N, C-alpha and C. Protein backbone atom coordinates (compact mmCIF):
# COMPACT_ATOMS: atom_id res chain seq x y z
N MET A 1 92.49 65.18 121.41
CA MET A 1 93.03 65.94 120.32
C MET A 1 93.51 67.28 120.84
N LYS A 2 94.74 67.63 120.50
CA LYS A 2 95.32 68.91 120.90
C LYS A 2 95.02 69.96 119.84
N VAL A 3 94.52 71.09 120.26
CA VAL A 3 94.18 72.18 119.35
C VAL A 3 95.05 73.38 119.70
N GLU A 4 95.67 73.97 118.68
CA GLU A 4 96.47 75.18 118.87
C GLU A 4 95.72 76.36 118.30
N CYS A 5 95.84 77.49 118.98
CA CYS A 5 95.25 78.72 118.46
C CYS A 5 96.12 79.25 117.33
N SER A 6 95.48 79.81 116.33
CA SER A 6 96.20 80.39 115.20
C SER A 6 96.84 81.70 115.59
N SER A 7 97.94 81.99 114.97
CA SER A 7 98.59 83.28 115.17
C SER A 7 97.88 84.38 114.38
N GLY A 8 96.99 83.98 113.48
CA GLY A 8 96.33 84.94 112.59
C GLY A 8 96.99 84.98 111.23
N ASN A 9 98.11 84.27 111.08
CA ASN A 9 98.81 84.19 109.80
C ASN A 9 99.13 82.72 109.55
N VAL A 10 98.44 82.14 108.60
CA VAL A 10 98.61 80.71 108.32
C VAL A 10 100.06 80.37 107.97
N PHE A 11 100.76 81.29 107.32
CA PHE A 11 102.15 81.03 106.94
C PHE A 11 103.04 80.97 108.18
N ARG A 12 102.78 81.80 109.17
CA ARG A 12 103.52 81.76 110.43
C ARG A 12 103.23 80.43 111.13
N ASP A 13 101.95 80.04 111.12
CA ASP A 13 101.55 78.78 111.74
C ASP A 13 102.22 77.58 111.08
N LEU A 14 102.55 77.71 109.79
CA LEU A 14 103.21 76.63 109.06
C LEU A 14 104.72 76.60 109.28
N GLY A 15 105.23 77.57 110.04
CA GLY A 15 106.64 77.54 110.39
C GLY A 15 107.53 78.54 109.68
N PHE A 16 106.96 79.38 108.84
CA PHE A 16 107.76 80.41 108.18
C PHE A 16 108.16 81.47 109.21
N GLY A 17 109.31 82.08 109.00
CA GLY A 17 109.75 83.16 109.87
C GLY A 17 108.81 84.35 109.77
N PRO A 18 108.86 85.25 110.73
CA PRO A 18 107.93 86.38 110.75
C PRO A 18 107.95 87.24 109.49
N LYS A 19 109.13 87.57 108.99
CA LYS A 19 109.21 88.42 107.79
C LYS A 19 108.66 87.72 106.57
N GLU A 20 109.06 86.46 106.37
CA GLU A 20 108.59 85.72 105.20
C GLU A 20 107.09 85.46 105.30
N ALA A 21 106.61 85.16 106.48
CA ALA A 21 105.18 84.91 106.67
C ALA A 21 104.36 86.16 106.35
N ALA A 22 104.86 87.32 106.76
CA ALA A 22 104.15 88.57 106.47
C ALA A 22 104.12 88.83 104.96
N SER A 23 105.24 88.60 104.29
CA SER A 23 105.30 88.79 102.84
C SER A 23 104.36 87.82 102.12
N LEU A 24 104.38 86.57 102.54
CA LEU A 24 103.51 85.57 101.91
C LEU A 24 102.04 85.90 102.11
N ARG A 25 101.69 86.35 103.30
CA ARG A 25 100.29 86.70 103.56
C ARG A 25 99.85 87.87 102.70
N LEU A 26 100.71 88.89 102.59
CA LEU A 26 100.36 90.04 101.76
C LEU A 26 100.22 89.64 100.30
N ARG A 27 101.16 88.84 99.81
CA ARG A 27 101.07 88.37 98.41
C ARG A 27 99.81 87.54 98.20
N ALA A 28 99.48 86.67 99.15
CA ALA A 28 98.27 85.85 99.04
C ALA A 28 97.03 86.73 98.99
N ASP A 29 96.97 87.74 99.85
CA ASP A 29 95.81 88.65 99.86
C ASP A 29 95.67 89.38 98.53
N LEU A 30 96.78 89.84 97.97
CA LEU A 30 96.75 90.54 96.68
C LEU A 30 96.31 89.60 95.56
N MET A 31 96.83 88.37 95.58
CA MET A 31 96.46 87.39 94.55
C MET A 31 94.97 87.06 94.63
N ILE A 32 94.45 86.94 95.83
CA ILE A 32 93.02 86.67 96.01
C ILE A 32 92.19 87.80 95.43
N GLU A 33 92.62 89.04 95.65
CA GLU A 33 91.88 90.18 95.11
C GLU A 33 91.89 90.19 93.58
N ILE A 34 93.01 89.84 93.00
CA ILE A 34 93.07 89.78 91.53
C ILE A 34 92.15 88.68 91.02
N GLU A 35 92.16 87.55 91.67
CA GLU A 35 91.28 86.45 91.25
C GLU A 35 89.81 86.84 91.40
N ARG A 36 89.47 87.54 92.48
CA ARG A 36 88.09 88.01 92.67
C ARG A 36 87.69 88.97 91.55
N LEU A 37 88.61 89.85 91.19
CA LEU A 37 88.36 90.81 90.11
C LEU A 37 88.08 90.08 88.80
N ILE A 38 88.89 89.08 88.49
CA ILE A 38 88.72 88.30 87.26
C ILE A 38 87.36 87.63 87.25
N LYS A 39 86.97 87.04 88.38
CA LYS A 39 85.67 86.37 88.46
C LYS A 39 84.51 87.36 88.40
N ALA A 40 84.64 88.49 89.12
CA ALA A 40 83.57 89.48 89.15
C ALA A 40 83.32 90.08 87.78
N ARG A 41 84.39 90.28 87.01
CA ARG A 41 84.25 90.85 85.66
C ARG A 41 84.03 89.78 84.60
N LYS A 42 83.99 88.53 85.05
CA LYS A 42 83.77 87.38 84.16
C LYS A 42 84.75 87.38 82.99
N LEU A 43 86.03 87.58 83.35
CA LEU A 43 87.09 87.63 82.34
C LEU A 43 87.64 86.24 82.05
N THR A 44 87.97 86.01 80.81
CA THR A 44 88.75 84.82 80.48
C THR A 44 90.19 85.11 80.88
N GLN A 45 91.01 84.08 80.92
CA GLN A 45 92.42 84.32 81.23
C GLN A 45 93.05 85.22 80.17
N ALA A 46 92.67 85.06 78.93
CA ALA A 46 93.22 85.88 77.85
C ALA A 46 92.82 87.35 78.03
N SER A 47 91.55 87.61 78.36
CA SER A 47 91.12 89.00 78.52
C SER A 47 91.68 89.59 79.81
N ALA A 48 91.84 88.78 80.84
CA ALA A 48 92.47 89.25 82.08
C ALA A 48 93.93 89.61 81.81
N ALA A 49 94.60 88.82 81.00
CA ALA A 49 96.00 89.10 80.66
C ALA A 49 96.12 90.45 79.96
N LYS A 50 95.19 90.74 79.05
CA LYS A 50 95.21 92.04 78.36
C LYS A 50 95.02 93.17 79.34
N LEU A 51 94.03 93.03 80.22
CA LEU A 51 93.73 94.06 81.21
C LEU A 51 94.92 94.30 82.13
N LEU A 52 95.54 93.23 82.59
CA LEU A 52 96.64 93.32 83.55
C LEU A 52 98.00 93.55 82.89
N ARG A 53 97.99 93.49 81.55
CA ARG A 53 99.20 93.66 80.73
C ARG A 53 100.29 92.65 81.09
N VAL A 54 99.84 91.38 81.14
CA VAL A 54 100.75 90.25 81.34
C VAL A 54 100.36 89.17 80.34
N THR A 55 101.07 88.07 80.33
CA THR A 55 100.73 86.98 79.42
C THR A 55 99.64 86.10 80.04
N GLN A 56 98.96 85.35 79.19
CA GLN A 56 97.94 84.42 79.69
C GLN A 56 98.54 83.37 80.62
N PRO A 57 99.73 82.81 80.31
CA PRO A 57 100.33 81.86 81.25
C PRO A 57 100.60 82.49 82.63
N ARG A 58 100.88 83.78 82.64
CA ARG A 58 101.10 84.48 83.91
C ARG A 58 99.80 84.53 84.72
N VAL A 59 98.69 84.78 84.05
CA VAL A 59 97.38 84.77 84.72
C VAL A 59 97.09 83.36 85.23
N SER A 60 97.41 82.36 84.43
CA SER A 60 97.22 80.97 84.84
C SER A 60 98.00 80.68 86.12
N ASP A 61 99.25 81.12 86.17
CA ASP A 61 100.06 80.93 87.38
C ASP A 61 99.41 81.59 88.58
N LEU A 62 98.85 82.75 88.37
CA LEU A 62 98.21 83.49 89.45
C LEU A 62 96.98 82.75 89.98
N VAL A 63 96.09 82.34 89.09
CA VAL A 63 94.86 81.68 89.55
C VAL A 63 95.14 80.27 90.10
N ARG A 64 96.28 79.71 89.76
CA ARG A 64 96.68 78.41 90.33
C ARG A 64 97.40 78.58 91.66
N GLY A 65 97.57 79.83 92.09
CA GLY A 65 98.14 80.09 93.40
C GLY A 65 99.64 79.93 93.51
N LYS A 66 100.35 80.11 92.42
CA LYS A 66 101.81 79.96 92.44
C LYS A 66 102.45 81.22 93.03
N ILE A 67 102.29 81.33 94.32
CA ILE A 67 102.68 82.54 95.06
C ILE A 67 104.15 82.88 94.93
N ASP A 68 105.00 81.88 94.79
CA ASP A 68 106.44 82.11 94.71
C ASP A 68 106.86 82.82 93.42
N LEU A 69 105.97 82.90 92.45
CA LEU A 69 106.30 83.52 91.17
C LEU A 69 105.95 85.01 91.11
N PHE A 70 105.39 85.55 92.20
CA PHE A 70 104.90 86.93 92.18
C PHE A 70 105.45 87.73 93.35
N SER A 71 105.93 88.93 93.05
CA SER A 71 106.37 89.85 94.09
C SER A 71 105.19 90.74 94.48
N ILE A 72 105.31 91.36 95.62
CA ILE A 72 104.28 92.31 96.06
C ILE A 72 104.15 93.43 95.04
N ASP A 73 105.27 93.96 94.56
CA ASP A 73 105.25 95.05 93.57
C ASP A 73 104.49 94.65 92.31
N THR A 74 104.77 93.46 91.81
CA THR A 74 104.11 92.99 90.59
C THR A 74 102.61 92.90 90.78
N LEU A 75 102.18 92.37 91.91
CA LEU A 75 100.75 92.21 92.17
C LEU A 75 100.06 93.56 92.33
N VAL A 76 100.71 94.50 93.00
CA VAL A 76 100.13 95.85 93.14
C VAL A 76 100.02 96.52 91.77
N GLU A 77 101.04 96.38 90.95
CA GLU A 77 101.00 96.94 89.59
C GLU A 77 99.85 96.34 88.78
N MET A 78 99.65 95.05 88.89
CA MET A 78 98.56 94.40 88.15
C MET A 78 97.21 94.95 88.59
N LEU A 79 97.02 95.12 89.90
CA LEU A 79 95.76 95.68 90.39
C LEU A 79 95.58 97.11 89.90
N ALA A 80 96.65 97.89 89.92
CA ALA A 80 96.56 99.28 89.45
C ALA A 80 96.17 99.32 87.98
N ARG A 81 96.73 98.43 87.18
CA ARG A 81 96.38 98.38 85.75
C ARG A 81 94.91 98.07 85.54
N ALA A 82 94.32 97.35 86.51
CA ALA A 82 92.90 97.01 86.42
C ALA A 82 92.02 98.10 87.03
N GLY A 83 92.65 99.19 87.46
CA GLY A 83 91.89 100.30 88.01
C GLY A 83 91.57 100.17 89.49
N VAL A 84 92.28 99.31 90.18
CA VAL A 84 92.05 99.11 91.61
C VAL A 84 93.06 99.93 92.41
N HIS A 85 92.56 100.71 93.34
CA HIS A 85 93.41 101.50 94.24
C HIS A 85 93.79 100.61 95.41
N VAL A 86 95.08 100.43 95.64
CA VAL A 86 95.57 99.58 96.72
C VAL A 86 96.05 100.46 97.87
N GLU A 87 95.56 100.16 99.07
CA GLU A 87 95.98 100.88 100.27
C GLU A 87 96.61 99.89 101.24
N LEU A 88 97.54 100.37 102.02
CA LEU A 88 98.22 99.55 103.02
C LEU A 88 97.88 100.09 104.39
N HIS A 89 97.44 99.21 105.28
CA HIS A 89 97.14 99.57 106.67
C HIS A 89 98.15 98.87 107.56
N LEU A 90 98.82 99.63 108.39
CA LEU A 90 99.87 99.09 109.25
C LEU A 90 99.38 98.99 110.69
N ALA A 91 99.91 98.00 111.40
CA ALA A 91 99.59 97.83 112.82
C ALA A 91 100.85 97.38 113.53
N GLN A 92 100.91 97.63 114.82
CA GLN A 92 102.02 97.18 115.63
C GLN A 92 102.13 95.67 115.57
N ALA A 93 103.36 95.15 115.53
CA ALA A 93 103.58 93.70 115.52
C ALA A 93 102.95 93.09 116.75
N GLY A 94 102.29 91.98 116.56
CA GLY A 94 101.68 91.27 117.68
C GLY A 94 100.29 91.74 118.04
N ARG A 95 99.86 92.84 117.47
CA ARG A 95 98.51 93.33 117.73
C ARG A 95 97.57 92.83 116.66
N ARG A 96 96.43 92.41 117.06
CA ARG A 96 95.45 91.92 116.10
C ARG A 96 94.57 93.07 115.64
N ARG A 97 94.20 93.01 114.35
CA ARG A 97 93.31 94.02 113.79
C ARG A 97 91.89 93.73 114.24
N ARG A 98 91.17 94.78 114.55
CA ARG A 98 89.76 94.64 114.88
C ARG A 98 88.95 94.68 113.60
N ALA A 99 87.93 93.87 113.55
CA ALA A 99 87.04 93.91 112.38
C ALA A 99 86.23 95.19 112.44
N ALA A 100 86.06 95.80 111.28
CA ALA A 100 85.31 97.06 111.23
C ALA A 100 83.84 96.80 111.04
């Protein structure tokens, strides 16, 4: 069996170009954080929709992982509406982040 090392970005490993893979990874990370918030606060989709100021079907799309329906801006705005401060950490391309 041949095993390949991961690039650290599953989307890049799946064949997406570098720019698209970076965008998809960032959107996925933001979506995961919103889903964690919903679970941690034990929100229904309806109450999450109120908090995030979106419709319930929009929350459903989010928890179902429909990444293509969400922009980075939209996801950051949703987190801000929930009282979450979003920070961006940048690193040189090709360099791996060290775990803190």
